[in-house]
């Protein structure tokens, strides 16, 4: 079981800030997870594909090609703005 976290506006698009799921075998990278999560929800797909969205695997920032086979947690974060 893997915990998927959504921060900022991504939690609104996902309808939750956290979900726990068993990942299908074909979902091997963060990018594949992003695609799989958005496949059934166009609003979530658009939010996850937006410029500046970052990902972390087990609390360490990573690229979308990072492997997730043994990850306990994957987080998606929307870009932050401030002044």
N, C-alpha and C. Protein backbone atom coordinates (compact mmCIF):
# COMPACT_ATOMS: atom_id res chain seq x y z
N UNK A 1 0.85 -1.17 0.00
CA UNK A 1 0.00 0.00 0.00
C UNK A 1 0.90 1.24 0.00
N UNK A 2 0.56 2.20 -0.84
CA UNK A 2 1.32 3.44 -0.96
C UNK A 2 0.42 4.61 -0.59
N UNK A 3 0.96 5.55 0.15
CA UNK A 3 0.23 6.76 0.49
C UNK A 3 0.56 7.83 -0.55
N UNK A 4 -0.47 8.43 -1.12
CA UNK A 4 -0.31 9.51 -2.07
C UNK A 4 -0.82 10.77 -1.39
N UNK A 5 0.03 11.79 -1.34
CA UNK A 5 -0.33 13.06 -0.72
C UNK A 5 -0.48 14.13 -1.78
N UNK A 6 -1.47 15.00 -1.61
CA UNK A 6 -1.71 16.12 -2.50
C UNK A 6 -1.69 17.40 -1.67
N UNK A 7 -0.89 18.37 -2.09
CA UNK A 7 -0.77 19.62 -1.35
C UNK A 7 -1.29 20.78 -2.20
N UNK A 8 -1.74 21.83 -1.51
CA UNK A 8 -2.22 23.03 -2.19
C UNK A 8 -3.45 22.75 -3.02
N UNK A 9 -3.52 23.39 -4.18
CA UNK A 9 -4.70 23.24 -5.04
C UNK A 9 -4.86 21.82 -5.57
N UNK A 10 -3.80 21.01 -5.49
CA UNK A 10 -3.90 19.63 -5.95
C UNK A 10 -4.85 18.81 -5.07
N UNK A 11 -4.91 19.15 -3.78
CA UNK A 11 -5.83 18.43 -2.90
C UNK A 11 -7.28 18.74 -3.28
N UNK A 12 -7.54 19.96 -3.73
CA UNK A 12 -8.88 20.31 -4.20
C UNK A 12 -9.22 19.50 -5.45
N UNK A 13 -8.29 19.42 -6.38
CA UNK A 13 -8.52 18.69 -7.63
C UNK A 13 -8.69 17.20 -7.37
N UNK A 14 -7.95 16.66 -6.39
CA UNK A 14 -8.02 15.23 -6.07
C UNK A 14 -9.23 14.90 -5.19
N UNK A 15 -9.77 15.91 -4.53
CA UNK A 15 -10.88 15.67 -3.62
C UNK A 15 -10.45 15.12 -2.27
N UNK A 16 -9.14 15.11 -2.03
CA UNK A 16 -8.59 14.61 -0.76
C UNK A 16 -7.15 15.06 -0.65
N UNK A 17 -6.65 15.17 0.54
CA UNK A 17 -5.24 15.51 0.72
C UNK A 17 -4.37 14.26 0.81
N UNK A 18 -5.02 13.11 1.00
CA UNK A 18 -4.26 11.86 1.14
C UNK A 18 -5.13 10.69 0.71
N UNK A 19 -4.51 9.77 -0.04
CA UNK A 19 -5.17 8.51 -0.37
C UNK A 19 -4.16 7.39 -0.17
N UNK A 20 -4.66 6.22 0.15
CA UNK A 20 -3.80 5.03 0.28
C UNK A 20 -4.29 4.03 -0.74
N UNK A 21 -3.36 3.59 -1.61
CA UNK A 21 -3.75 2.69 -2.68
C UNK A 21 -2.68 1.63 -2.93
N UNK A 22 -3.12 0.55 -3.51
CA UNK A 22 -2.20 -0.46 -4.04
C UNK A 22 -1.96 -0.08 -5.49
N UNK A 23 -0.72 0.17 -5.84
CA UNK A 23 -0.40 0.58 -7.19
C UNK A 23 -0.38 -0.61 -8.14
N UNK A 24 -0.91 -0.43 -9.35
CA UNK A 24 -0.80 -1.50 -10.34
C UNK A 24 0.66 -1.71 -10.73
N UNK A 25 1.00 -2.89 -11.16
CA UNK A 25 2.39 -3.23 -11.49
C UNK A 25 2.97 -2.34 -12.58
N UNK A 26 2.15 -1.85 -13.50
CA UNK A 26 2.68 -1.04 -14.60
C UNK A 26 3.02 0.40 -14.19
N UNK A 27 2.63 0.80 -13.01
CA UNK A 27 2.93 2.15 -12.53
C UNK A 27 4.27 2.09 -11.79
N UNK A 28 5.34 2.36 -12.52
CA UNK A 28 6.69 2.17 -11.98
C UNK A 28 7.44 3.44 -11.65
N UNK A 29 6.95 4.59 -12.13
CA UNK A 29 7.63 5.86 -11.88
C UNK A 29 6.64 6.90 -11.36
N UNK A 30 7.16 7.99 -10.85
CA UNK A 30 6.31 9.08 -10.39
C UNK A 30 5.48 9.62 -11.56
N UNK A 31 6.09 9.74 -12.72
CA UNK A 31 5.37 10.22 -13.90
C UNK A 31 4.25 9.28 -14.31
N UNK A 32 4.51 7.98 -14.25
CA UNK A 32 3.47 7.01 -14.58
C UNK A 32 2.34 7.08 -13.56
N UNK A 33 2.67 7.32 -12.30
CA UNK A 33 1.66 7.50 -11.27
C UNK A 33 0.82 8.73 -11.56
N UNK A 34 1.46 9.82 -11.93
CA UNK A 34 0.75 11.05 -12.26
C UNK A 34 -0.23 10.79 -13.41
N UNK A 35 0.20 10.10 -14.43
CA UNK A 35 -0.66 9.78 -15.58
C UNK A 35 -1.81 8.88 -15.15
N UNK A 36 -1.50 7.85 -14.37
CA UNK A 36 -2.51 6.90 -13.92
C UNK A 36 -3.57 7.58 -13.04
N UNK A 37 -3.13 8.45 -12.14
CA UNK A 37 -4.07 9.16 -11.27
C UNK A 37 -5.00 10.06 -12.07
N UNK A 38 -4.47 10.68 -13.12
CA UNK A 38 -5.27 11.61 -13.91
C UNK A 38 -6.10 10.95 -14.99
N UNK A 39 -5.89 9.67 -15.24
CA UNK A 39 -6.56 9.00 -16.36
C UNK A 39 -8.09 9.05 -16.25
N UNK A 40 -8.63 8.97 -15.07
CA UNK A 40 -10.08 8.97 -14.92
C UNK A 40 -10.66 10.30 -14.48
N UNK A 41 -9.83 11.34 -14.39
CA UNK A 41 -10.30 12.61 -13.87
C UNK A 41 -9.56 13.74 -14.58
N UNK A 42 -10.23 14.37 -15.53
CA UNK A 42 -9.57 15.40 -16.34
C UNK A 42 -9.13 16.61 -15.51
N UNK A 43 -9.87 16.94 -14.46
CA UNK A 43 -9.49 18.07 -13.61
C UNK A 43 -8.20 17.75 -12.85
N UNK A 44 -8.10 16.55 -12.31
CA UNK A 44 -6.88 16.15 -11.61
C UNK A 44 -5.72 16.04 -12.59
N UNK A 45 -5.97 15.48 -13.77
CA UNK A 45 -4.92 15.35 -14.78
C UNK A 45 -4.33 16.72 -15.13
N UNK A 46 -5.20 17.70 -15.33
CA UNK A 46 -4.74 19.05 -15.68
C UNK A 46 -3.95 19.67 -14.53
N UNK A 47 -4.43 19.48 -13.31
CA UNK A 47 -3.75 20.04 -12.14
C UNK A 47 -2.37 19.42 -11.97
N UNK A 48 -2.26 18.10 -12.13
CA UNK A 48 -0.97 17.42 -11.96
C UNK A 48 0.02 17.76 -13.08
N UNK A 49 -0.50 18.09 -14.26
CA UNK A 49 0.35 18.41 -15.41
C UNK A 49 0.72 19.89 -15.48
N UNK A 50 0.19 20.69 -14.59
CA UNK A 50 0.45 22.14 -14.61
C UNK A 50 1.93 22.44 -14.40
N UNK A 51 2.41 23.52 -15.00
CA UNK A 51 3.80 23.91 -14.80
C UNK A 51 4.10 24.16 -13.32
N UNK A 52 5.25 23.73 -12.89
CA UNK A 52 5.70 23.98 -11.53
C UNK A 52 5.30 22.93 -10.51
N UNK A 53 4.48 21.95 -10.90
CA UNK A 53 4.11 20.90 -9.95
C UNK A 53 5.36 20.07 -9.64
N UNK A 54 5.58 19.82 -8.38
CA UNK A 54 6.76 19.05 -7.92
C UNK A 54 6.29 17.75 -7.30
N UNK A 55 7.22 16.81 -7.21
CA UNK A 55 6.92 15.53 -6.60
C UNK A 55 8.01 15.18 -5.59
N UNK A 56 7.64 14.39 -4.62
CA UNK A 56 8.59 13.88 -3.64
C UNK A 56 8.29 12.40 -3.42
N UNK A 57 9.34 11.64 -3.30
CA UNK A 57 9.23 10.20 -3.02
C UNK A 57 9.82 9.99 -1.63
N UNK A 58 9.02 9.49 -0.72
CA UNK A 58 9.45 9.29 0.67
C UNK A 58 10.14 10.54 1.23
N UNK A 59 9.48 11.68 1.00
CA UNK A 59 9.86 12.99 1.56
C UNK A 59 11.14 13.59 0.97
N UNK A 60 11.55 13.10 -0.19
CA UNK A 60 12.72 13.67 -0.89
C UNK A 60 12.26 14.08 -2.27
N UNK A 61 12.48 15.35 -2.62
CA UNK A 61 12.09 15.82 -3.95
C UNK A 61 12.73 14.93 -5.01
N UNK A 62 11.97 14.69 -6.08
CA UNK A 62 12.48 13.81 -7.14
C UNK A 62 11.93 14.26 -8.49
N UNK A 63 12.52 13.72 -9.54
CA UNK A 63 12.03 13.93 -10.89
C UNK A 63 10.88 12.96 -11.16
N UNK A 64 10.17 13.22 -12.23
CA UNK A 64 9.04 12.36 -12.56
C UNK A 64 9.46 11.00 -13.09
N UNK A 65 10.74 10.82 -13.39
CA UNK A 65 11.20 9.50 -13.83
C UNK A 65 11.73 8.65 -12.67
N UNK A 66 11.57 9.13 -11.44
CA UNK A 66 12.01 8.38 -10.26
C UNK A 66 11.16 7.13 -10.06
N UNK A 67 11.82 6.02 -9.76
CA UNK A 67 11.12 4.75 -9.51
C UNK A 67 10.34 4.82 -8.20
N UNK A 68 9.19 4.15 -8.18
CA UNK A 68 8.36 4.15 -6.97
C UNK A 68 8.03 2.75 -6.48
N UNK A 69 8.71 1.75 -6.99
CA UNK A 69 8.39 0.36 -6.65
C UNK A 69 8.37 0.11 -5.14
N UNK A 70 9.30 0.67 -4.41
CA UNK A 70 9.35 0.43 -2.97
C UNK A 70 9.00 1.67 -2.14
N UNK A 71 8.40 2.67 -2.79
CA UNK A 71 8.05 3.91 -2.08
C UNK A 71 6.89 3.68 -1.13
N UNK A 72 7.01 4.25 0.04
CA UNK A 72 5.90 4.21 1.00
C UNK A 72 4.97 5.40 0.81
N UNK A 73 5.55 6.51 0.26
CA UNK A 73 4.78 7.73 0.13
C UNK A 73 5.24 8.49 -1.10
N UNK A 74 4.29 9.01 -1.86
CA UNK A 74 4.58 9.90 -2.97
C UNK A 74 3.72 11.14 -2.79
N UNK A 75 4.33 12.31 -2.86
CA UNK A 75 3.61 13.55 -2.67
C UNK A 75 3.69 14.41 -3.92
N UNK A 76 2.59 15.07 -4.23
CA UNK A 76 2.53 16.03 -5.33
C UNK A 76 2.22 17.39 -4.74
N UNK A 77 3.02 18.39 -5.12
CA UNK A 77 2.88 19.73 -4.57
C UNK A 77 2.70 20.74 -5.69
N UNK A 78 1.71 21.60 -5.52
CA UNK A 78 1.50 22.67 -6.49
C UNK A 78 2.54 23.76 -6.24
N UNK A 79 2.80 24.57 -7.25
CA UNK A 79 3.78 25.65 -7.08
C UNK A 79 3.30 26.64 -6.01
N UNK A 80 4.24 27.18 -5.31
CA UNK A 80 3.93 28.17 -4.27
C UNK A 80 4.25 29.56 -4.81
N UNK A 81 3.49 30.52 -4.33
CA UNK A 81 3.81 31.90 -4.68
C UNK A 81 3.79 32.70 -3.40
N UNK A 82 4.48 33.76 -3.41
CA UNK A 82 4.52 34.58 -2.21
C UNK A 82 5.22 35.89 -2.50
N UNK A 83 5.28 36.70 -1.48
CA UNK A 83 5.89 38.00 -1.73
C UNK A 83 6.69 38.44 -0.55
